[in-house]
Amino acid sequence: MSDHAPDDALLPPTPAAPVDPALLALRTQIDALDRDLLALLNRRAGLALAVGEIKKKEGSVVFRPEREAQVIDGLKAVNPGPLKGDSVAPIWREIMSACRSLETPTRVAYLGPAGTFSEQAALGYFGSSLVRVPCASIDEVFRATTAGAADFGVVPVENSTEGVVARSLDLFLTTPLFIIGETSLFVRHNLLRREDTLAGLQAVCAHPQALAQCHGWLSHHLPDVERRPVASNAEGARLAALDPTLAAIASDRAASEWGLHMVSPAIQDDANNRTRFAIVTHPERHPAPAASGHDCTSLVVSVINRPGAVHDMLVPLKHHGVSMTRFESRPARSDQWEYYFYIDVQGHPDTPTVATALKELRSVCAYFKVLGTYPIDVH
């Protein structure tokens, strides 16, 4: 033995502290339950494969958002606790995602690169057993999904602070894609940088929506620093990882992905900042979801520019007791000061009152398009 060995190398090893018998018994029960759960999950996976074989013979699709919403709603209704109701949806989405992947891989396009809120929304909605198709822009998400490079696309449509995502709404007019689902995400913006300091910072890179959502904080703490718009927050994080003079506004997931310090957490102006995402697909590859019992129907319409036209457009909804939950206008990009109106209503067109209201609404519109009918976001 070396004369330079540390003194503690000569000491006998310290005996491990005794484990409380009650704790040991509980751990044994948990281990047994975990094995039971694994066996049950594999039984479920086997049944899912059998369902998949029947679907192949019928030529029906693997993913049915209304069926998954009904499963989760049913489980939440009978959940006795202590597991919280809000924990049921993410757990079962992962289970259904893993079972679905045994039938066929699900390709999902979203605004990339890795670490964006769009990626987080995709994983939250479809589960992690998917094939990721990151895209450089919202336009590319629509193109990839239209062309069949992805089965589904995930696009932001509305933010609780800044309102609608105009580019997504405009693309619904020029592509055949329609909405089959929605999900909303709590958006927590963080200032990320290679250096754990604000000193020497020359520019903050982020998506224009993120820059707007953090306007107050940036104006107060970094009034003289350039705000540089980029395609996505994760792209800003990628740039910040390459240049020590840059910072990004992005998620904690992006900080881990690109090895950045979280210099200032939660810099969004609204503490309850949320973004709503639409799940889109091509109607030739996926049918519209059947009624789930708690549905939303999204429309885009326009009317001839005359007095009372907008009022007349809304009368059928009021007359048939159909609740409107969103009403947004976008310029029609003509020289006549005309507008498209984006409307969300509660209910499914298979419901007689909704069907009649939509038929009457269509009759007074110069342009009428159903953007999709889908289950309301399940938390």
Protein backbone atom coordinates (compact mmCIF):
# COMPACT_ATOMS: atom_id res chain seq x y z
CA MET A 1 0.00 0.00 0.00
CA SER A 2 1.33 3.46 -0.86
CA ASP A 3 2.59 5.64 1.98
CA HIS A 4 0.57 8.45 0.40
CA ALA A 5 -2.81 6.69 0.67
CA PRO A 6 -5.40 8.86 2.45
CA ASP A 7 -6.14 7.97 6.06
CA ASP A 8 -9.75 7.09 5.31
CA ALA A 9 -8.60 4.36 2.92
CA LEU A 10 -7.46 2.40 6.02
CA LEU A 11 -10.84 2.69 7.72
CA PRO A 12 -13.48 -0.04 7.39
CA PRO A 13 -16.48 0.88 5.20
CA THR A 14 -19.31 2.63 6.99
CA PRO A 15 -22.23 0.23 7.36
CA ALA A 16 -25.40 1.21 5.55
CA ALA A 17 -28.13 2.71 7.70
CA PRO A 18 -30.83 0.16 8.51
CA VAL A 19 -33.97 0.43 6.39
CA ASP A 20 -37.22 1.00 8.24
CA PRO A 21 -39.20 -2.28 7.95
CA ALA A 22 -42.40 -0.36 7.14
CA LEU A 23 -40.66 1.47 4.29
CA LEU A 24 -39.19 -1.79 2.99
CA ALA A 25 -42.66 -3.40 3.04
CA LEU A 26 -44.15 -0.46 1.10
CA ARG A 27 -41.37 -0.61 -1.50
CA THR A 28 -41.99 -4.34 -1.91
CA GLN A 29 -45.68 -3.68 -2.53
CA ILE A 30 -44.85 -0.94 -5.07
CA ASP A 31 -42.45 -3.26 -6.91
CA ALA A 32 -45.15 -5.93 -7.10
CA LEU A 33 -47.72 -3.41 -8.35
CA ASP A 34 -45.28 -2.14 -10.99
CA ARG A 35 -44.92 -5.69 -12.33
CA ASP A 36 -48.71 -6.05 -12.35
CA LEU A 37 -49.04 -2.72 -14.19
CA LEU A 38 -46.47 -3.80 -16.78
CA ALA A 39 -48.37 -7.05 -17.36
CA LEU A 40 -51.65 -5.14 -17.74
CA LEU A 41 -50.07 -2.63 -20.13
CA ASN A 42 -48.79 -5.45 -22.30
CA ARG A 43 -52.25 -7.01 -22.29
CA ARG A 44 -53.64 -3.64 -23.39
CA ALA A 45 -50.99 -3.42 -26.11
CA GLY A 46 -52.01 -6.87 -27.34
CA LEU A 47 -55.64 -5.78 -27.58
CA ALA A 48 -54.55 -2.61 -29.40
CA LEU A 49 -52.73 -4.76 -31.95
CA ALA A 50 -55.87 -6.84 -32.44
CA VAL A 51 -57.88 -3.64 -32.95
CA GLY A 52 -55.23 -2.54 -35.47
CA GLU A 53 -55.70 -5.70 -37.50
CA ILE A 54 -59.44 -5.10 -37.71
CA LYS A 55 -58.84 -1.48 -38.72
CA LYS A 56 -56.50 -2.61 -41.51
CA LYS A 57 -59.17 -4.91 -42.92
CA GLU A 58 -61.75 -2.12 -42.72
CA GLY A 59 -59.34 0.47 -44.10
CA SER A 60 -60.00 2.78 -41.14
CA VAL A 61 -57.49 5.12 -39.52
CA VAL A 62 -55.41 4.30 -36.44
CA PHE A 63 -55.72 7.63 -34.62
CA ARG A 64 -59.21 8.69 -33.53
CA PRO A 65 -59.06 11.87 -31.40
CA GLU A 66 -62.70 11.62 -30.32
CA ARG A 67 -62.17 8.06 -29.06
CA GLU A 68 -59.08 9.06 -27.07
CA ALA A 69 -60.97 12.05 -25.60
CA GLN A 70 -63.81 9.75 -24.54
CA VAL A 71 -61.38 7.29 -22.92
CA ILE A 72 -59.70 10.03 -20.90
CA ASP A 73 -63.00 11.67 -19.92
CA GLY A 74 -64.36 8.31 -18.79
CA LEU A 75 -61.31 7.58 -16.65
CA LYS A 76 -61.36 11.02 -15.06
CA ALA A 77 -65.03 10.57 -14.21
CA VAL A 78 -64.39 7.35 -12.25
CA ASN A 79 -61.00 8.31 -10.77
CA PRO A 80 -61.31 7.87 -6.97
CA GLY A 81 -57.92 9.46 -6.15
CA PRO A 82 -55.49 10.16 -4.62
CA LEU A 83 -54.14 10.44 -8.18
CA LYS A 84 -55.13 13.94 -9.34
CA GLY A 85 -57.55 14.26 -12.23
CA ASP A 86 -55.11 16.49 -14.16
CA SER A 87 -52.57 13.64 -14.09
CA VAL A 88 -54.88 11.18 -15.84
CA ALA A 89 -54.74 12.73 -19.34
CA PRO A 90 -50.92 12.85 -19.75
CA ILE A 91 -50.49 9.34 -18.33
CA TRP A 92 -53.05 7.80 -20.66
CA ARG A 93 -51.91 9.81 -23.66
CA GLU A 94 -48.49 8.17 -23.24
CA ILE A 95 -50.07 4.72 -22.88
CA MET A 96 -52.20 5.22 -25.99
CA SER A 97 -49.23 6.67 -27.87
CA ALA A 98 -47.09 3.61 -27.09
CA CYS A 99 -49.91 1.24 -28.13
CA ARG A 100 -50.63 3.25 -31.29
CA SER A 101 -46.97 3.09 -32.32
CA LEU A 102 -47.20 -0.71 -32.41
CA GLU A 103 -49.76 -0.40 -35.22
CA THR A 104 -48.06 2.29 -37.30
CA PRO A 105 -45.63 5.18 -36.65
CA THR A 106 -47.31 8.59 -36.35
CA ARG A 107 -45.38 11.34 -38.18
CA VAL A 108 -46.01 14.79 -36.72
CA ALA A 109 -44.75 18.09 -38.20
CA TYR A 110 -44.22 21.14 -35.99
CA LEU A 111 -42.23 24.35 -35.84
CA GLY A 112 -38.68 23.30 -34.91
CA PRO A 113 -35.87 22.84 -34.15
CA ALA A 114 -35.75 20.80 -30.93
CA GLY A 115 -36.98 22.59 -27.82
CA THR A 116 -39.84 24.70 -29.23
CA PHE A 117 -43.19 25.06 -27.54
CA SER A 118 -44.69 23.55 -30.70
CA GLU A 119 -42.63 20.40 -30.13
CA GLN A 120 -43.79 20.35 -26.52
CA ALA A 121 -47.41 20.68 -27.67
CA ALA A 122 -46.94 17.82 -30.16
CA LEU A 123 -45.51 15.54 -27.47
CA GLY A 124 -48.26 16.50 -25.04
CA TYR A 125 -51.01 15.72 -27.54
CA PHE A 126 -49.66 12.62 -29.30
CA GLY A 127 -47.36 11.24 -26.60
CA SER A 128 -43.65 10.63 -27.08
CA SER A 129 -44.00 7.53 -29.30
CA LEU A 130 -44.08 9.52 -32.54
CA VAL A 131 -41.84 10.31 -35.49
CA ARG A 132 -40.82 13.96 -35.18
CA VAL A 133 -40.80 16.15 -38.31
CA PRO A 134 -39.37 19.53 -37.23
CA CYS A 135 -39.96 22.35 -39.73
CA ALA A 136 -38.30 25.71 -40.23
CA SER A 137 -41.56 27.71 -40.38
CA ILE A 138 -45.31 27.45 -39.95
CA ASP A 139 -45.60 27.50 -43.75
CA GLU A 140 -43.37 24.42 -43.90
CA VAL A 141 -45.56 22.61 -41.33
CA PHE A 142 -48.55 23.13 -43.64
CA ARG A 143 -46.53 22.07 -46.71
CA ALA A 144 -45.16 18.91 -45.07
CA THR A 145 -48.60 17.85 -43.86
CA THR A 146 -50.26 18.67 -47.19
CA ALA A 147 -47.64 16.71 -49.14
CA GLY A 148 -47.85 13.67 -46.86
CA ALA A 149 -44.36 13.99 -45.36
CA ALA A 150 -46.22 14.11 -42.02
CA ASP A 151 -49.52 12.57 -41.00
CA PHE A 152 -50.39 15.53 -38.77
CA GLY A 153 -49.20 19.07 -38.18
CA VAL A 154 -49.20 21.09 -34.96
CA VAL A 155 -49.54 24.86 -35.46
CA PRO A 156 -50.08 27.73 -33.00
CA VAL A 157 -53.34 29.59 -33.61
CA GLU A 158 -53.90 31.83 -30.60
CA ASN A 159 -52.07 33.28 -27.61
CA SER A 160 -53.76 34.58 -24.46
CA THR A 161 -51.56 37.69 -24.49
CA GLU A 162 -51.02 38.57 -28.15
CA GLY A 163 -54.14 37.12 -29.74
CA VAL A 164 -54.27 35.14 -32.97
CA VAL A 165 -51.26 33.80 -34.86
CA ALA A 166 -52.09 35.49 -38.15
CA ARG A 167 -49.92 33.32 -40.39
CA SER A 168 -51.63 30.12 -39.28
CA LEU A 169 -55.08 31.61 -39.91
CA ASP A 170 -54.09 32.85 -43.37
CA LEU A 171 -52.74 29.42 -44.38
CA PHE A 172 -56.08 27.75 -43.61
CA LEU A 173 -57.48 29.71 -46.56
CA THR A 174 -54.93 28.46 -49.08
CA THR A 175 -54.36 24.81 -48.06
CA PRO A 176 -56.69 21.80 -47.87
CA LEU A 177 -55.76 20.94 -44.29
CA PHE A 178 -58.43 20.88 -41.59
CA ILE A 179 -58.42 20.71 -37.80
CA ILE A 180 -59.00 17.40 -35.99
CA GLY A 181 -57.83 18.40 -32.50
CA GLU A 182 -56.54 21.15 -30.25
CA THR A 183 -54.28 21.50 -27.26
CA SER A 184 -53.24 24.44 -25.12
CA LEU A 185 -49.92 24.95 -23.40
CA PHE A 186 -48.81 27.10 -20.50
CA VAL A 187 -45.99 29.22 -21.99
CA ARG A 188 -43.18 30.13 -19.63
CA HIS A 189 -40.56 32.27 -21.37
CA ASN A 190 -37.00 32.32 -20.03
CA LEU A 191 -33.99 34.41 -21.01
CA LEU A 192 -31.25 31.95 -22.01
CA ARG A 193 -27.57 32.59 -22.69
CA ARG A 194 -24.15 30.94 -22.74
CA GLU A 195 -22.98 33.35 -20.04
CA ASP A 196 -24.91 33.46 -16.77
CA THR A 197 -25.13 37.27 -16.81
CA LEU A 198 -26.82 40.13 -18.65
CA ALA A 199 -23.51 41.97 -19.10
CA GLY A 200 -22.25 42.37 -22.65
CA LEU A 201 -25.51 41.31 -24.23
CA GLN A 202 -26.07 42.76 -27.71
CA ALA A 203 -29.27 41.13 -28.98
CA VAL A 204 -32.16 38.93 -27.86
CA CYS A 205 -33.32 36.41 -30.48
CA ALA A 206 -36.84 34.97 -30.41
CA HIS A 207 -39.99 34.44 -32.41
CA PRO A 208 -41.85 37.75 -32.88
CA GLN A 209 -44.73 36.48 -30.68
CA ALA A 210 -42.34 35.74 -27.82
CA LEU A 211 -40.69 39.16 -28.14
CA ALA A 212 -44.14 40.75 -27.92
CA GLN A 213 -45.15 38.60 -24.94
CA CYS A 214 -42.02 39.75 -23.05
CA HIS A 215 -42.14 43.41 -24.15
CA GLY A 216 -42.52 44.83 -20.65
CA TRP A 217 -39.65 42.86 -19.12
CA LEU A 218 -37.33 43.61 -22.04
CA SER A 219 -38.15 47.32 -21.95
CA HIS A 220 -37.42 47.49 -18.22
CA HIS A 221 -34.31 45.28 -17.97
CA LEU A 222 -32.76 45.50 -21.47
CA PRO A 223 -33.98 48.78 -22.97
CA ASP A 224 -30.92 49.27 -25.20
CA VAL A 225 -30.52 45.68 -26.39
CA GLU A 226 -31.61 44.78 -29.92
CA ARG A 227 -34.67 42.53 -30.27
CA ARG A 228 -33.99 40.21 -33.20
CA PRO A 229 -36.92 38.22 -34.64
CA VAL A 230 -36.14 34.66 -35.77
CA ALA A 231 -38.22 31.74 -37.08
CA SER A 232 -38.69 30.08 -33.68
CA ASN A 233 -37.63 30.40 -30.05
CA ALA A 234 -35.56 27.23 -30.34
CA GLU A 235 -33.77 28.72 -33.36
CA GLY A 236 -32.97 31.69 -31.13
CA ALA A 237 -31.56 29.27 -28.54
CA ARG A 238 -29.44 27.61 -31.22
CA LEU A 239 -28.01 30.97 -32.26
CA ALA A 240 -27.38 31.96 -28.63
CA ALA A 241 -25.44 28.73 -28.12
CA LEU A 242 -23.10 29.79 -30.96
CA ASP A 243 -22.61 33.46 -30.02
CA PRO A 244 -21.89 34.70 -26.46
CA THR A 245 -23.25 38.17 -27.30
CA LEU A 246 -26.72 36.79 -27.99
CA ALA A 247 -29.51 35.65 -25.71
CA ALA A 248 -32.70 33.74 -26.49
CA ILE A 249 -36.24 33.70 -25.16
CA ALA A 250 -37.24 30.05 -24.95
CA SER A 251 -38.36 27.13 -22.81
CA ASP A 252 -36.39 25.29 -20.15
CA ARG A 253 -36.41 22.35 -22.58
CA ALA A 254 -34.52 24.52 -25.09
CA ALA A 255 -32.03 25.50 -22.35
CA SER A 256 -31.23 21.82 -21.76
CA GLU A 257 -31.16 21.04 -25.48
CA TRP A 258 -28.64 23.77 -26.31
CA GLY A 259 -26.64 23.90 -23.06
CA LEU A 260 -27.63 27.42 -22.04
CA HIS A 261 -27.93 29.16 -18.67
CA MET A 262 -31.37 30.35 -17.56
CA VAL A 263 -30.29 33.91 -16.80
CA SER A 264 -33.81 35.12 -15.97
CA PRO A 265 -36.78 32.75 -15.64
CA ALA A 266 -40.43 33.51 -16.43
CA ILE A 267 -39.99 36.88 -18.14
CA GLN A 268 -43.39 36.85 -19.91
CA ASP A 269 -45.57 39.84 -19.10
CA ASP A 270 -48.64 37.68 -18.36
CA ALA A 271 -48.11 35.09 -15.62
CA ASN A 272 -50.95 32.99 -17.10
CA ASN A 273 -49.66 33.15 -20.66
CA ARG A 274 -51.03 30.24 -22.74
CA THR A 275 -50.88 29.30 -26.40
CA ARG A 276 -53.52 27.27 -28.20
CA PHE A 277 -52.40 24.86 -30.92
CA ALA A 278 -54.43 23.24 -33.70
CA ILE A 279 -53.81 19.67 -34.84
CA VAL A 280 -54.20 19.60 -38.63
CA THR A 281 -54.27 16.87 -41.26
CA HIS A 282 -55.33 16.23 -44.86
CA PRO A 283 -58.98 15.22 -45.36
CA GLU A 284 -58.00 12.56 -47.89
CA ARG A 285 -55.88 10.77 -45.29
CA HIS A 286 -57.99 11.24 -42.17
CA PRO A 287 -61.75 11.58 -41.62
CA ALA A 288 -63.34 14.28 -39.51
CA PRO A 289 -63.74 13.16 -35.89
CA ALA A 290 -67.16 11.93 -34.85
CA ALA A 291 -68.99 13.68 -32.02
CA SER A 292 -67.32 13.20 -28.64
CA GLY A 293 -69.88 15.01 -26.50
CA HIS A 294 -67.82 18.17 -25.97
CA ASP A 295 -66.80 19.48 -29.38
CA CYS A 296 -65.80 22.68 -31.14
CA THR A 297 -66.45 23.58 -34.78
CA SER A 298 -64.17 26.14 -36.41
CA LEU A 299 -65.26 28.15 -39.47
CA VAL A 300 -63.97 30.88 -41.74
CA VAL A 301 -66.58 32.98 -43.53
CA SER A 302 -66.99 36.27 -45.35
CA VAL A 303 -70.01 38.38 -46.20
CA ILE A 304 -70.77 41.00 -48.80
CA ASN A 305 -69.84 44.46 -47.55
CA ARG A 306 -73.29 45.93 -46.85
CA PRO A 307 -75.02 47.41 -43.76
CA GLY A 308 -76.08 44.74 -41.27
CA ALA A 309 -74.23 41.90 -42.99
CA VAL A 310 -72.27 40.83 -39.91
CA HIS A 311 -75.40 40.99 -37.76
CA ASP A 312 -77.28 38.78 -40.25
CA MET A 313 -74.41 36.33 -40.18
CA LEU A 314 -74.71 35.82 -36.42
CA VAL A 315 -78.52 35.59 -36.24
CA PRO A 316 -78.68 31.83 -37.11
CA LEU A 317 -76.36 31.00 -34.22
CA LYS A 318 -78.47 32.99 -31.75
CA HIS A 319 -81.75 31.66 -33.13
CA HIS A 320 -80.71 28.02 -32.70
CA GLY A 321 -78.95 28.48 -29.36
CA VAL A 322 -75.45 27.72 -30.66
CA SER A 323 -72.76 29.35 -28.50
CA MET A 324 -69.95 31.23 -30.27
CA THR A 325 -66.66 31.01 -28.36
CA ARG A 326 -64.36 32.90 -30.73
CA PHE A 327 -64.78 35.62 -33.36
CA GLU A 328 -61.74 37.07 -35.15
CA SER A 329 -61.43 39.10 -38.33
CA ARG A 330 -58.61 39.16 -40.89
CA PRO A 331 -58.32 41.41 -43.96
CA ALA A 332 -59.22 39.63 -47.20
CA ARG A 333 -56.27 41.34 -48.95
CA SER A 334 -58.51 42.85 -51.60
CA ASP A 335 -59.05 46.49 -52.43
CA GLN A 336 -62.63 46.45 -51.17
CA TRP A 337 -61.96 46.54 -47.40
CA GLU A 338 -63.44 43.06 -47.06
CA TYR A 339 -62.71 40.66 -44.20
CA TYR A 340 -62.66 36.99 -43.37
CA PHE A 341 -64.20 36.07 -40.03
CA TYR A 342 -62.86 33.13 -38.03
CA ILE A 343 -65.52 31.69 -35.77
CA ASP A 344 -65.52 28.89 -33.19
CA VAL A 345 -68.86 27.49 -32.05
CA GLN A 346 -69.64 24.86 -29.44
CA GLY A 347 -71.01 21.57 -30.72
CA HIS A 348 -70.70 19.13 -33.62
CA PRO A 349 -72.42 19.38 -37.04
CA ASP A 350 -74.00 15.96 -36.39
CA THR A 351 -76.12 17.71 -33.74
CA PRO A 352 -79.40 18.91 -35.33
CA THR A 353 -79.29 22.43 -33.85
CA VAL A 354 -75.68 22.99 -34.98
CA ALA A 355 -76.36 21.50 -38.42
CA THR A 356 -79.38 23.78 -38.97
CA ALA A 357 -77.55 26.87 -37.71
CA LEU A 358 -74.57 26.22 -40.00
CA LYS A 359 -76.87 25.63 -43.00
CA GLU A 360 -78.58 28.97 -42.44
CA LEU A 361 -75.25 30.70 -41.81
CA ARG A 362 -73.87 29.34 -45.08
CA SER A 363 -76.83 30.81 -46.98
CA VAL A 364 -75.97 34.40 -45.95
CA CYS A 365 -72.19 34.11 -46.55
CA ALA A 366 -70.24 34.93 -49.69
CA TYR A 367 -67.56 32.48 -48.52
CA PHE A 368 -68.01 29.59 -46.07
CA LYS A 369 -65.50 26.92 -45.04
CA VAL A 370 -65.53 24.52 -42.10
CA LEU A 371 -61.96 24.43 -40.79
CA GLY A 372 -62.67 21.41 -38.60
CA THR A 373 -64.76 19.82 -35.88
CA TYR A 374 -62.86 18.32 -32.98
CA PRO A 375 -62.94 17.47 -29.27
CA ILE A 376 -62.31 20.40 -26.95
CA ASP A 377 -58.89 20.22 -25.31
CA VAL A 378 -58.77 17.55 -22.59
CA HIS A 379 -56.53 18.48 -19.63
